[in-house]
Amino acid sequence: MSDRDLAWRPALLARLGAVPGLELEVDAPLSKRTTFGIGGPADVLVEAGDERQVQAVLAAIADAGVPLFVLGGGSNLLVGDGGIRGVVLTLGGDLAALAIEDGGRRLVVGCGCTFPRLTRTALDLGWPGAVGWLGTPGQVGGAILMNAGSRWGEIGSDVVEVIAVDAAGERRFDRDQCAFGYRTSLFQQRGVGGARIDTSITSADQESLRLVLTRVILQCDKSSTEKAKELDATAKELLARRHRTQPRLRSAGSLFKNPPGDFAGRLIEAAGLKGFTVGRAQVSEVHANFIVNLGGAMARDVVAVATHVQTTVKQHSGVDLEWEVRRVGDFSVTGEAA
């Protein structure tokens, strides 16, 4: 399939249009759906509200032979100026719901639920680890994918089970199977929802990678409603600190992973790169590990800034900075074509 070969689209739209409850949009601008405010169009954007609809989408795209990308809250993400080919899937309806069980010690959450909503609920229930989730945008599915959190707590620590759907039906993964680590999980390694596909593998193997996270079950045996006020005070202090030390301009969050024993922001600042700008993308003057959109930035601007940062930091300190923000879509579009 060429970059903009859309011969497959009419038949796929007809098939998906027959699935009750599915919401469809063609050539949907993704800049409106990312915290960066950057990104070209999706060939087809689909919103599914339950597992049955997700499975129907997976079956349809498998038969059509088109790519899939699952889009959450659009944080920690840079979408190419050429957009995303194939189908972009978002989750809503029942898959954005949150249920409190077992006296507040257990939560069942749809992966389309916003992560700030989950964080606020867990804090109100007295979950200590939820303090570490504060300030992280996006949706629960993305938080699971990257094991969101901080040194005060990561979401993977409270996961009991992750529920997913592939073309064959429902799949379940317990915490150990999820292989949570620093900003990673089994699901990044598998290339969930098109997050990472190894172009060296066969098309048949790629079909097996089409897995969509739909719900997660969390449990905290140390929860206490008596701790809720104490946690709330800590949360307010941490949020105030974030507001002082992080930029208000649009970004995708921390661009690079912290190298072992150090901080990416410190290395970037030490290399004299605060304020470095290409086009309308800039290394933040507030926090050097953020590249911000000054208004009208393109993905190619962000990549140019990031590449310069990596090269300069390597020359200055000998450290190879690794992207934390995920890059998806078509980055080949340049100039007026963007």
Protein backbone atom coordinates (compact mmCIF):
# COMPACT_ATOMS: atom_id res chain seq x y z
CA MET A 1 0.00 0.00 0.00
CA SER A 2 1.52 3.33 -1.01
CA ASP A 3 1.61 6.31 1.35
CA ARG A 4 -1.84 7.59 0.35
CA ASP A 5 -3.35 4.67 -1.50
CA LEU A 6 -6.96 4.83 -0.30
CA ALA A 7 -8.49 2.22 -2.60
CA TRP A 8 -9.24 0.11 0.49
CA ARG A 9 -11.18 2.84 2.28
CA PRO A 10 -14.71 2.69 0.76
CA ALA A 11 -15.13 -1.04 1.41
CA LEU A 12 -13.75 -0.79 4.94
CA LEU A 13 -15.99 2.17 5.76
CA ALA A 14 -19.01 0.24 4.50
CA ARG A 15 -18.13 -2.74 6.69
CA LEU A 16 -17.41 -0.66 9.80
CA GLY A 17 -20.51 1.43 9.19
CA ALA A 18 -22.59 -1.71 9.65
CA VAL A 19 -21.28 -2.20 13.21
CA PRO A 20 -23.80 -0.66 15.65
CA GLY A 21 -22.41 2.14 17.75
CA LEU A 22 -19.12 2.69 15.95
CA GLU A 23 -18.23 6.33 15.24
CA LEU A 24 -16.27 6.96 12.03
CA GLU A 25 -14.41 9.97 10.59
CA VAL A 26 -12.21 10.22 7.50
CA ASP A 27 -9.11 12.42 7.14
CA ALA A 28 -9.41 13.32 10.81
CA PRO A 29 -6.80 15.92 11.90
CA LEU A 30 -4.79 14.39 14.74
CA SER A 31 -3.25 17.68 15.88
CA LYS A 32 -6.53 18.26 17.73
CA ARG A 33 -6.05 14.99 19.62
CA THR A 34 -2.47 15.32 20.86
CA THR A 35 -1.10 17.35 23.77
CA PHE A 36 1.65 18.59 21.41
CA GLY A 37 -0.98 20.04 19.06
CA ILE A 38 0.94 18.45 16.18
CA GLY A 39 0.06 15.75 13.64
CA GLY A 40 -1.38 15.17 10.18
CA PRO A 41 -4.64 13.34 9.38
CA ALA A 42 -5.75 9.79 10.07
CA ASP A 43 -7.06 8.02 6.97
CA VAL A 44 -9.90 6.65 9.11
CA LEU A 45 -10.61 7.44 12.77
CA VAL A 46 -12.84 5.00 14.67
CA GLU A 47 -14.21 5.21 18.22
CA ALA A 48 -15.24 1.92 19.85
CA GLY A 49 -17.29 1.71 23.03
CA ASP A 50 -16.96 -1.95 24.00
CA GLU A 51 -14.91 -5.09 23.36
CA ARG A 52 -17.32 -6.39 20.73
CA GLN A 53 -16.81 -3.27 18.64
CA VAL A 54 -13.03 -3.45 19.09
CA GLN A 55 -13.00 -7.04 17.85
CA ALA A 56 -15.13 -6.07 14.85
CA VAL A 57 -12.62 -3.35 13.96
CA LEU A 58 -9.70 -5.75 14.30
CA ALA A 59 -11.39 -8.31 12.08
CA ALA A 60 -12.20 -5.70 9.44
CA ILE A 61 -8.70 -4.25 9.24
CA ALA A 62 -7.17 -7.72 9.17
CA ASP A 63 -9.28 -8.59 6.12
CA ALA A 64 -8.50 -5.23 4.49
CA GLY A 65 -4.78 -5.54 5.24
CA VAL A 66 -4.41 -2.00 6.57
CA PRO A 67 -2.37 -0.73 9.56
CA LEU A 68 -3.85 0.00 12.97
CA PHE A 69 -2.86 2.55 15.58
CA VAL A 70 -4.61 2.91 18.94
CA LEU A 71 -4.75 6.54 20.08
CA GLY A 72 -5.32 7.37 23.73
CA GLY A 73 -5.17 10.85 25.19
CA GLY A 74 -2.45 11.93 22.78
CA SER A 75 0.21 12.58 25.44
CA ASN A 76 3.76 11.20 25.25
CA LEU A 77 3.22 11.12 21.49
CA LEU A 78 4.53 12.83 18.36
CA VAL A 79 2.49 12.23 15.21
CA GLY A 80 4.22 12.83 11.87
CA ASP A 81 3.19 15.74 9.66
CA GLY A 82 1.93 13.26 7.06
CA GLY A 83 -0.50 11.74 9.54
CA ILE A 84 -1.21 8.07 10.18
CA ARG A 85 -2.07 5.63 7.44
CA GLY A 86 -4.82 3.07 7.86
CA VAL A 87 -7.13 3.05 10.88
CA VAL A 88 -6.68 5.01 14.11
CA LEU A 89 -8.77 3.54 16.92
CA THR A 90 -9.90 5.42 20.03
CA LEU A 91 -11.86 4.08 23.01
CA GLY A 92 -14.99 5.56 24.56
CA GLY A 93 -18.33 4.46 26.01
CA ASP A 94 -18.04 1.51 28.40
CA LEU A 95 -14.31 1.41 27.72
CA ALA A 96 -13.94 4.82 29.38
CA ALA A 97 -15.80 3.79 32.54
CA LEU A 98 -14.43 3.42 36.09
CA ALA A 99 -15.93 1.17 38.79
CA ILE A 100 -15.00 1.06 42.50
CA GLU A 101 -15.16 -2.38 44.14
CA ASP A 102 -14.28 -4.13 47.41
CA GLY A 103 -14.72 -1.07 49.59
CA GLY A 104 -12.34 1.02 47.52
CA ARG A 105 -9.51 -1.49 47.46
CA ARG A 106 -10.19 -2.53 43.86
CA LEU A 107 -10.80 -0.54 40.68
CA VAL A 108 -11.95 -1.79 37.28
CA VAL A 109 -11.12 0.83 34.68
CA GLY A 110 -11.61 1.11 30.93
CA CYS A 111 -8.45 1.96 29.03
CA GLY A 112 -10.23 4.94 27.48
CA CYS A 113 -10.72 6.49 30.93
CA THR A 114 -8.56 9.55 31.52
CA PHE A 115 -5.54 8.90 33.71
CA PRO A 116 -6.11 12.08 35.78
CA ARG A 117 -9.61 10.77 36.65
CA LEU A 118 -8.15 7.43 37.78
CA THR A 119 -5.46 9.25 39.76
CA ARG A 120 -7.97 11.49 41.53
CA THR A 121 -10.21 8.53 42.37
CA ALA A 122 -7.31 6.48 43.76
CA LEU A 123 -6.12 9.42 45.87
CA ASP A 124 -9.61 9.95 47.26
CA LEU A 125 -9.63 6.25 48.23
CA GLY A 126 -6.27 6.58 49.99
CA TRP A 127 -4.02 4.72 47.55
CA PRO A 128 -0.45 5.85 48.46
CA GLY A 129 1.11 4.96 45.10
CA ALA A 130 -1.31 7.22 43.25
CA VAL A 131 0.72 10.22 44.41
CA GLY A 132 3.31 9.12 41.87
CA TRP A 133 0.76 9.27 39.06
CA LEU A 134 0.00 12.95 39.61
CA GLY A 135 0.31 15.31 36.70
CA THR A 136 0.42 12.56 34.06
CA PRO A 137 -2.06 13.31 31.24
CA GLY A 138 -3.57 10.93 28.72
CA GLN A 139 -5.63 7.79 29.17
CA VAL A 140 -5.29 4.64 31.25
CA GLY A 141 -4.31 2.48 28.27
CA GLY A 142 -1.31 4.67 27.55
CA ALA A 143 -0.40 4.72 31.23
CA ILE A 144 -0.33 0.92 31.26
CA LEU A 145 1.66 0.79 28.02
CA MET A 146 4.46 2.97 29.45
CA ASN A 147 4.04 2.12 33.16
CA ALA A 148 3.34 5.75 33.98
CA GLY A 149 4.40 7.25 37.28
CA SER A 150 7.38 8.63 39.15
CA ARG A 151 9.65 7.74 42.04
CA TRP A 152 6.64 8.08 44.34
CA GLY A 153 4.82 5.26 42.56
CA GLU A 154 4.17 3.62 39.17
CA ILE A 155 0.83 2.27 38.01
CA GLY A 156 2.25 -1.20 37.33
CA SER A 157 2.70 -1.76 41.07
CA ASP A 158 -1.08 -1.76 41.60
CA VAL A 159 -2.08 -3.76 38.51
CA VAL A 160 -3.77 -7.11 39.10
CA GLU A 161 -4.74 -7.87 35.52
CA VAL A 162 -4.81 -6.24 32.11
CA ILE A 163 -7.58 -7.26 29.69
CA ALA A 164 -7.04 -6.95 25.96
CA VAL A 165 -8.72 -7.95 22.70
CA ASP A 166 -7.20 -9.36 19.54
CA ALA A 167 -8.82 -10.78 16.41
CA ALA A 168 -9.42 -14.10 18.21
CA GLY A 169 -11.11 -12.62 21.27
CA GLU A 170 -10.24 -11.63 24.83
CA ARG A 171 -6.75 -11.97 26.32
CA ARG A 172 -5.79 -11.57 29.99
CA PHE A 173 -2.38 -10.73 31.46
CA ASP A 174 -1.51 -10.80 35.15
CA ARG A 175 0.99 -8.37 36.65
CA ASP A 176 3.99 -10.65 36.21
CA GLN A 177 3.13 -11.25 32.56
CA CYS A 178 2.92 -7.48 31.98
CA ALA A 179 6.69 -7.17 32.63
CA PHE A 180 6.47 -3.60 33.92
CA GLY A 181 9.73 -1.66 34.03
CA TYR A 182 10.91 1.94 33.83
CA ARG A 183 8.66 3.49 31.16
CA THR A 184 8.02 0.12 29.56
CA SER A 185 5.89 -3.03 29.64
CA LEU A 186 5.23 -6.22 27.72
CA PHE A 187 2.78 -4.29 25.58
CA GLN A 188 5.41 -1.92 24.17
CA GLN A 189 7.54 -4.92 23.31
CA ARG A 190 4.61 -6.57 21.52
CA GLY A 191 3.81 -3.43 19.55
CA VAL A 192 0.28 -3.03 20.88
CA GLY A 193 -2.00 -1.06 18.58
CA GLY A 194 0.80 -0.34 16.18
CA ALA A 195 2.99 1.25 18.83
CA ARG A 196 6.06 -0.46 17.47
CA ILE A 197 6.14 -2.85 14.53
CA ASP A 198 9.39 -4.47 13.47
CA THR A 199 9.49 -4.20 9.67
CA SER A 200 11.69 -7.29 9.48
CA ILE A 201 8.95 -9.65 10.64
CA THR A 202 6.47 -11.33 8.31
CA SER A 203 2.98 -9.99 7.67
CA ALA A 204 1.53 -13.05 9.41
CA ASP A 205 3.55 -12.26 12.53
CA GLN A 206 2.41 -8.65 12.38
CA GLU A 207 -1.20 -9.79 12.51
CA SER A 208 -0.46 -11.45 15.86
CA LEU A 209 0.75 -8.10 17.24
CA ARG A 210 -2.64 -6.43 16.80
CA LEU A 211 -3.67 -6.32 20.43
CA VAL A 212 -5.84 -3.60 21.96
CA LEU A 213 -5.84 -2.96 25.70
CA THR A 214 -9.44 -2.50 26.84
CA ARG A 215 -9.63 -2.70 30.65
CA VAL A 216 -7.37 -2.95 33.68
CA ILE A 217 -8.03 -4.25 37.20
CA LEU A 218 -6.11 -2.47 39.97
CA GLN A 219 -5.89 -3.30 43.65
CA CYS A 220 -4.35 -1.58 46.67
CA ASP A 221 -4.40 -3.50 49.96
CA LYS A 222 -2.81 -0.51 51.71
CA SER A 223 -5.64 1.86 50.85
CA SER A 224 -7.12 3.89 53.66
CA THR A 225 -9.74 6.62 53.58
CA GLU A 226 -8.04 8.04 56.70
CA LYS A 227 -4.96 8.67 54.56
CA ALA A 228 -6.93 10.51 51.88
CA LYS A 229 -6.53 13.97 53.48
CA GLU A 230 -2.80 13.42 54.02
CA LEU A 231 -2.42 12.26 50.41
CA ASP A 232 -4.42 15.22 49.16
CA ALA A 233 -2.05 17.62 50.91
CA THR A 234 0.95 15.82 49.40
CA ALA A 235 -0.72 15.87 45.99
CA LYS A 236 -1.29 19.62 46.13
CA GLU A 237 2.35 20.19 47.09
CA LEU A 238 3.64 18.00 44.25
CA LEU A 239 1.33 19.61 41.70
CA ALA A 240 2.43 23.06 42.79
CA ARG A 241 6.05 21.95 42.32
CA ARG A 242 5.25 20.65 38.83
CA HIS A 243 3.60 23.94 37.90
CA ARG A 244 6.73 25.81 39.01
CA THR A 245 9.18 23.56 37.19
CA GLN A 246 7.35 22.51 34.02
CA PRO A 247 6.30 24.59 31.01
CA ARG A 248 2.73 25.67 30.38
CA LEU A 249 3.15 25.58 26.59
CA ARG A 250 1.97 22.55 24.65
CA SER A 251 4.30 19.56 24.73
CA ALA A 252 4.31 15.77 24.92
CA GLY A 253 5.87 15.71 28.39
CA SER A 254 9.45 14.64 29.07
CA LEU A 255 10.97 13.99 25.65
CA PHE A 256 13.88 11.78 26.71
CA LYS A 257 14.22 9.00 29.27
CA ASN A 258 16.42 9.76 32.24
CA PRO A 259 19.72 7.88 31.84
CA PRO A 260 20.78 5.67 34.78
CA GLY A 261 21.88 7.81 37.71
CA ASP A 262 21.20 11.15 36.05
CA PHE A 263 18.50 13.39 34.61
CA ALA A 264 18.04 14.17 30.93
CA GLY A 265 17.00 17.73 31.75
CA ARG A 266 20.20 18.38 33.68
CA LEU A 267 22.34 17.07 30.81
CA ILE A 268 20.49 19.17 28.24
CA GLU A 269 20.73 22.31 30.34
CA ALA A 270 24.44 21.67 31.03
CA ALA A 271 24.99 21.52 27.26
CA GLY A 272 23.59 25.04 26.99
CA LEU A 273 20.52 24.03 25.00
CA LYS A 274 17.68 25.76 26.84
CA GLY A 275 15.86 27.92 24.32
CA PHE A 276 17.31 26.19 21.25
CA THR A 277 14.70 26.55 18.50
CA VAL A 278 13.94 25.13 15.07
CA GLY A 279 10.86 26.53 13.36
CA ARG A 280 8.24 26.79 16.09
CA ALA A 281 9.63 24.00 18.32
CA GLN A 282 11.87 24.94 21.23
CA VAL A 283 13.78 23.38 24.12
CA SER A 284 11.79 24.79 27.02
CA GLU A 285 13.30 27.68 28.97
CA VAL A 286 11.57 26.25 32.06
CA HIS A 287 12.56 22.57 31.90
CA ALA A 288 15.17 21.41 29.39
CA ASN A 289 13.69 17.92 28.93
CA PHE A 290 10.56 19.41 27.36
CA ILE A 291 10.32 20.48 23.75
CA VAL A 292 7.44 22.91 23.48
CA ASN A 293 5.19 24.03 20.66
CA LEU A 294 5.45 27.81 20.41
CA GLY A 295 2.38 27.77 18.17
CA GLY A 296 2.28 26.23 14.71
CA ALA A 297 5.19 23.80 15.25
CA MET A 298 5.51 20.85 12.89
CA ALA A 299 6.68 17.35 13.74
CA ARG A 300 9.76 17.89 11.59
CA ASP A 301 10.68 20.88 13.79
CA VAL A 302 10.47 18.74 16.94
CA VAL A 303 12.60 16.00 15.38
CA ALA A 304 15.21 18.55 14.28
CA VAL A 305 15.41 20.01 17.79
CA ALA A 306 15.59 16.56 19.39
CA THR A 307 18.29 15.36 17.00
CA HIS A 308 20.41 18.44 17.74
CA VAL A 309 19.93 17.87 21.47
CA GLN A 310 21.01 14.23 21.23
CA THR A 311 24.10 15.11 19.20
CA THR A 312 25.12 17.98 21.45
CA VAL A 313 24.59 16.09 24.72
CA LYS A 314 26.60 13.16 23.34
CA GLN A 315 29.47 15.54 22.49
CA HIS A 316 29.22 17.37 25.81
CA SER A 317 28.76 14.50 28.28
CA GLY A 318 29.13 11.27 26.32
CA VAL A 319 25.54 10.20 27.12
CA ASP A 320 23.16 8.84 24.49
CA LEU A 321 19.70 10.20 25.20
CA GLU A 322 16.84 7.85 24.32
CA TRP A 323 13.41 9.09 23.23
CA GLU A 324 10.64 8.57 25.77
CA VAL A 325 7.99 10.20 23.58
CA ARG A 326 6.63 7.76 20.99
CA ARG A 327 6.87 8.74 17.31
CA VAL A 328 4.17 7.42 14.98
CA GLY A 329 2.95 8.10 11.47
CA ASP A 330 4.47 9.60 8.35
CA PHE A 331 7.52 11.81 8.94
CA SER A 332 8.48 11.98 5.26
CA VAL A 333 6.22 14.94 4.47
CA THR A 334 8.15 18.22 4.21
CA GLY A 335 7.65 21.81 3.10
CA GLU A 336 4.30 22.92 1.73
CA ALA A 337 3.10 19.31 1.51
CA ALA A 338 2.84 19.23 5.31
